[in-house]
Amino acid sequence: MRAVTTSHAPDVDVVLPCLNEAGALPWVLARIPAGWRALVVDNGSTDGSADLARSLGATVVTEPRRGFGAACHAGLTAASADIVCFCDCDASLDPALLTPFAREIRAGTSDLVLGRRRPQSVGAWPAHARAGNLALARMLRHRTGLRLHDLGPLRAARREHLLALGLTDRRSGYPLQMVVRAADAGWRITEHDVPYLPRTGASKVTGTWRGTWHAVRDMRRVLAEAPVRGPVREGSPR
């Protein structure tokens, strides 16, 4: 298996929030593009995920506070590359698909690139999760004017720009807060279709109606926040 760490500064850091993903880690880490660094953020795994990730060449970051946002932000603050990508660690998304995302950020044609999930099988994305995502996309459009179709986890942006957003949510609302605050700051946000595969293991968020409801509740809270006018990216429309 190809190593996922480098002896020099990485071209791109990929943040991989991880909670009991030992079954998916070998495939996910093997798909990290050459020259990039995998930052596996262990969020309390009990299945040996952290040790497995280290043995496969990943850099492991420990985040004891439970929550998807807590894990993502721990990875962001641990990153050192100019460009940071995010990807789920459950083998539902291929991190190799991030290559054109990073290229777009590096070229300066976009400030935040998102993956629009396209299910490759009936069971890849449960109906209740899809319905919740659609409702949130509509609320996001009303709040920001962005005509996005998905708030999926596959994304790329510049590290310093992300840190300047001052993200505070540490639960399921983190991905949405990133988009909302980026929109408020005038970022150029683009969306590209990506194949969405059946995940390995059980979902911690959208695998049940209860999990989906908690995620939607967190995101509704984010949408209700007053606009936070952080630093606007130079050259972006106001």
Protein backbone atom coordinates (compact mmCIF):
# COMPACT_ATOMS: atom_id res chain seq x y z
CA MET A 1 0.00 0.00 0.00
CA ARG A 2 1.28 3.46 -0.88
CA ALA A 3 2.30 5.61 2.08
CA VAL A 4 0.18 8.71 2.70
CA THR A 5 2.74 10.87 4.46
CA THR A 6 5.66 12.80 2.98
CA SER A 7 9.11 13.79 4.23
CA HIS A 8 8.53 17.39 3.16
CA ALA A 9 5.66 19.81 3.52
CA PRO A 10 2.50 18.23 2.07
CA ASP A 11 0.91 19.69 -1.05
CA VAL A 12 -2.54 19.26 0.51
CA ASP A 13 -3.82 18.07 3.88
CA VAL A 14 -6.91 15.83 3.87
CA VAL A 15 -8.92 15.89 7.11
CA LEU A 16 -10.63 12.55 7.77
CA PRO A 17 -12.90 12.58 10.87
CA CYS A 18 -12.89 9.04 12.23
CA LEU A 19 -15.04 7.14 14.73
CA ASN A 20 -14.67 3.36 14.50
CA GLU A 21 -13.79 3.17 10.80
CA ALA A 22 -11.24 0.33 10.86
CA GLY A 23 -13.12 -1.49 8.11
CA ALA A 24 -12.91 1.47 5.72
CA LEU A 25 -9.49 2.96 6.50
CA PRO A 26 -7.34 0.75 4.24
CA TRP A 27 -9.37 1.66 1.14
CA VAL A 28 -9.69 5.34 2.06
CA LEU A 29 -6.00 5.86 2.82
CA ALA A 30 -4.94 4.00 -0.31
CA ARG A 31 -6.92 6.56 -2.33
CA ILE A 32 -5.15 9.65 -0.93
CA PRO A 33 -3.35 11.37 -3.85
CA ALA A 34 0.44 11.13 -3.93
CA GLY A 35 2.19 13.98 -2.11
CA TRP A 36 -0.85 14.70 0.06
CA ARG A 37 -1.07 14.06 3.81
CA ALA A 38 -3.92 12.17 5.47
CA LEU A 39 -4.93 13.63 8.84
CA VAL A 40 -7.09 10.99 10.52
CA VAL A 41 -8.86 12.65 13.44
CA ASP A 42 -9.74 9.94 15.94
CA ASN A 43 -12.91 10.95 17.78
CA GLY A 44 -13.00 8.21 20.40
CA SER A 45 -12.71 5.02 18.36
CA THR A 46 -12.75 1.69 20.20
CA ASP A 47 -11.97 -0.56 17.21
CA GLY A 48 -8.28 0.24 16.82
CA SER A 49 -8.82 2.81 14.07
CA ALA A 50 -6.08 5.13 15.33
CA ASP A 51 -3.39 2.43 15.46
CA LEU A 52 -4.45 1.09 12.07
CA ALA A 53 -4.30 4.56 10.53
CA ARG A 54 -0.76 5.08 11.88
CA SER A 55 0.34 1.71 10.53
CA LEU A 56 -0.94 2.73 7.10
CA GLY A 57 1.11 5.94 7.11
CA ALA A 58 -1.48 8.50 8.19
CA THR A 59 -0.95 11.26 10.72
CA VAL A 60 -3.37 10.72 13.60
CA VAL A 61 -4.89 13.62 15.51
CA THR A 62 -6.79 12.85 18.72
CA GLU A 63 -9.96 14.82 19.47
CA PRO A 64 -11.65 13.62 22.70
CA ARG A 65 -14.67 15.95 22.35
CA ARG A 66 -17.34 14.01 20.51
CA GLY A 67 -18.90 15.63 17.47
CA PHE A 68 -18.36 15.76 13.72
CA GLY A 69 -17.50 19.45 13.86
CA ALA A 70 -15.07 18.94 16.73
CA ALA A 71 -13.20 16.31 14.70
CA CYS A 72 -13.18 18.41 11.52
CA HIS A 73 -11.93 21.52 13.29
CA ALA A 74 -9.23 19.60 15.13
CA GLY A 75 -7.99 18.42 11.75
CA LEU A 76 -8.12 21.93 10.33
CA THR A 77 -6.08 23.39 13.19
CA ALA A 78 -3.58 20.53 12.92
CA ALA A 79 -3.16 21.05 9.17
CA SER A 80 -0.17 22.95 7.80
CA ALA A 81 -0.67 22.78 4.03
CA ASP A 82 -2.01 25.82 2.17
CA ILE A 83 -4.97 23.81 0.86
CA VAL A 84 -7.10 21.66 3.16
CA CYS A 85 -9.63 19.10 2.00
CA PHE A 86 -12.28 17.22 3.97
CA CYS A 87 -13.61 13.73 3.31
CA ASP A 88 -15.61 11.18 5.28
CA CYS A 89 -13.62 8.20 6.49
CA ASP A 90 -16.28 5.54 5.81
CA ALA A 91 -15.45 4.72 2.15
CA SER A 92 -18.64 6.37 0.87
CA LEU A 93 -16.55 9.01 -0.92
CA ASP A 94 -13.30 8.58 -2.81
CA PRO A 95 -10.64 11.07 -1.62
CA ALA A 96 -8.95 10.80 -5.04
CA LEU A 97 -11.87 12.88 -6.34
CA LEU A 98 -10.44 15.83 -4.42
CA THR A 99 -7.60 16.29 -6.94
CA PRO A 100 -9.56 18.61 -9.28
CA PHE A 101 -11.06 20.36 -6.24
CA ALA A 102 -7.58 21.30 -4.99
CA ARG A 103 -6.53 22.28 -8.51
CA GLU A 104 -9.48 24.69 -8.71
CA ILE A 105 -8.57 26.26 -5.37
CA ARG A 106 -4.91 26.56 -6.34
CA ALA A 107 -5.83 28.21 -9.65
CA GLY A 108 -7.90 30.80 -7.79
CA THR A 109 -11.11 30.14 -9.72
CA SER A 110 -12.99 29.11 -6.56
CA ASP A 111 -12.62 29.72 -2.84
CA LEU A 112 -14.63 26.72 -1.66
CA VAL A 113 -15.34 23.62 -3.76
CA LEU A 114 -18.04 21.16 -2.66
CA GLY A 115 -18.97 17.68 -3.83
CA ARG A 116 -22.59 17.04 -4.76
CA ARG A 117 -23.25 13.42 -3.82
CA ARG A 118 -24.75 11.22 -6.53
CA PRO A 119 -25.80 7.83 -5.06
CA GLN A 120 -24.47 4.84 -6.98
CA SER A 121 -26.97 2.40 -5.46
CA VAL A 122 -30.37 2.49 -3.79
CA GLY A 123 -28.98 1.97 -0.31
CA ALA A 124 -26.11 4.44 -0.55
CA TRP A 125 -28.15 7.38 0.70
CA PRO A 126 -31.30 6.64 2.79
CA ALA A 127 -34.47 8.47 1.80
CA HIS A 128 -34.75 10.27 5.15
CA ALA A 129 -31.20 11.57 4.88
CA ARG A 130 -31.78 12.75 1.32
CA ALA A 131 -34.99 14.51 2.35
CA GLY A 132 -33.24 16.29 5.21
CA ASN A 133 -30.42 17.38 2.93
CA LEU A 134 -32.88 18.75 0.35
CA ALA A 135 -34.73 20.74 3.01
CA LEU A 136 -31.47 22.22 4.28
CA ALA A 137 -30.36 23.14 0.76
CA ARG A 138 -33.59 25.08 0.31
CA MET A 139 -33.15 26.87 3.63
CA LEU A 140 -29.57 27.68 2.70
CA ARG A 141 -30.75 29.19 -0.59
CA HIS A 142 -33.24 31.36 1.29
CA ARG A 143 -30.56 32.45 3.80
CA THR A 144 -27.67 33.11 1.38
CA GLY A 145 -28.97 32.96 -2.19
CA LEU A 146 -26.62 30.05 -2.97
CA ARG A 147 -28.20 27.53 -5.34
CA LEU A 148 -26.47 24.45 -3.96
CA HIS A 149 -27.93 20.95 -4.05
CA ASP A 150 -25.92 19.27 -1.31
CA LEU A 151 -24.05 19.99 1.90
CA GLY A 152 -21.82 16.96 1.65
CA PRO A 153 -18.49 16.47 3.42
CA LEU A 154 -16.22 16.35 0.35
CA ARG A 155 -14.74 19.85 0.04
CA ALA A 156 -11.60 21.94 -0.41
CA ALA A 157 -10.45 25.45 0.48
CA ARG A 158 -7.38 27.37 1.66
CA ARG A 159 -6.48 26.75 5.27
CA GLU A 160 -5.96 30.38 6.29
CA HIS A 161 -9.26 31.42 4.73
CA LEU A 162 -11.11 28.66 6.61
CA LEU A 163 -9.55 29.64 9.92
CA ALA A 164 -10.54 33.28 9.31
CA LEU A 165 -14.20 32.24 9.18
CA GLY A 166 -14.13 31.68 12.95
CA LEU A 167 -16.20 28.49 12.84
CA THR A 168 -17.77 27.69 16.22
CA ASP A 169 -20.13 24.74 15.66
CA ARG A 170 -18.65 21.46 16.87
CA ARG A 171 -21.54 19.16 16.00
CA SER A 172 -23.36 18.33 12.77
CA GLY A 173 -23.78 21.99 11.85
CA TYR A 174 -20.08 22.49 11.11
CA PRO A 175 -20.23 21.81 7.33
CA LEU A 176 -23.20 24.14 6.92
CA GLN A 177 -21.67 26.89 9.04
CA MET A 178 -18.60 26.77 6.83
CA VAL A 179 -20.74 27.37 3.73
CA VAL A 180 -22.91 30.07 5.35
CA ARG A 181 -19.97 32.08 6.65
CA ALA A 182 -18.08 31.66 3.38
CA ALA A 183 -21.12 33.02 1.53
CA ASP A 184 -21.37 35.95 3.97
CA ALA A 185 -17.70 36.72 3.27
CA GLY A 186 -18.28 36.79 -0.49
CA TRP A 187 -16.45 33.58 -1.34
CA ARG A 188 -16.83 31.99 -4.76
CA ILE A 189 -18.42 28.62 -4.03
CA THR A 190 -18.73 25.88 -6.64
CA GLU A 191 -20.28 22.43 -6.61
CA HIS A 192 -19.36 19.34 -8.64
CA ASP A 193 -21.03 15.93 -8.91
CA VAL A 194 -19.25 13.06 -7.15
CA PRO A 195 -20.27 9.38 -6.89
CA TYR A 196 -21.63 8.39 -3.48
CA LEU A 197 -21.02 4.78 -2.48
CA PRO A 198 -22.56 2.60 0.25
CA ARG A 199 -20.60 3.33 3.39
CA THR A 200 -18.63 0.72 5.33
CA GLY A 201 -20.15 0.12 8.77
CA ALA A 202 -22.99 1.96 10.48
CA SER A 203 -23.60 5.67 10.02
CA LYS A 204 -23.19 7.80 13.14
CA VAL A 205 -25.40 10.62 11.83
CA THR A 206 -27.73 9.87 8.93
CA GLY A 207 -28.18 6.12 9.35
CA THR A 208 -31.38 6.62 11.35
CA TRP A 209 -34.27 9.06 11.45
CA ARG A 210 -33.12 10.12 14.93
CA GLY A 211 -29.60 10.84 13.76
CA THR A 212 -30.88 12.76 10.75
CA TRP A 213 -33.22 14.80 12.95
CA HIS A 214 -30.37 15.79 15.28
CA ALA A 215 -28.26 16.81 12.28
CA VAL A 216 -31.09 18.90 10.82
CA ARG A 217 -31.68 20.51 14.21
CA ASP A 218 -28.01 21.49 14.49
CA MET A 219 -28.06 22.94 10.98
CA ARG A 220 -31.29 24.86 11.53
CA ARG A 221 -29.58 26.49 14.50
CA VAL A 222 -26.70 27.54 12.26
CA LEU A 223 -29.09 29.03 9.70
CA ALA A 224 -30.75 31.06 12.45
CA GLU A 225 -27.48 32.74 13.41
CA ALA A 226 -27.03 36.40 12.56
CA PRO A 227 -24.55 36.97 9.71
CA VAL A 228 -20.96 37.10 10.90
CA ARG A 229 -18.96 39.50 8.77
CA GLY A 230 -15.44 38.15 9.03
CA PRO A 231 -12.58 39.02 6.69
CA VAL A 232 -13.79 39.13 3.09
CA ARG A 233 -11.58 37.36 0.57
CA GLU A 234 -9.73 39.94 -1.52
CA GLY A 235 -11.29 40.18 -4.95
CA SER A 236 -14.56 38.56 -3.94
CA PRO A 237 -17.84 40.37 -4.56
CA ARG A 238 -19.29 42.13 -1.50
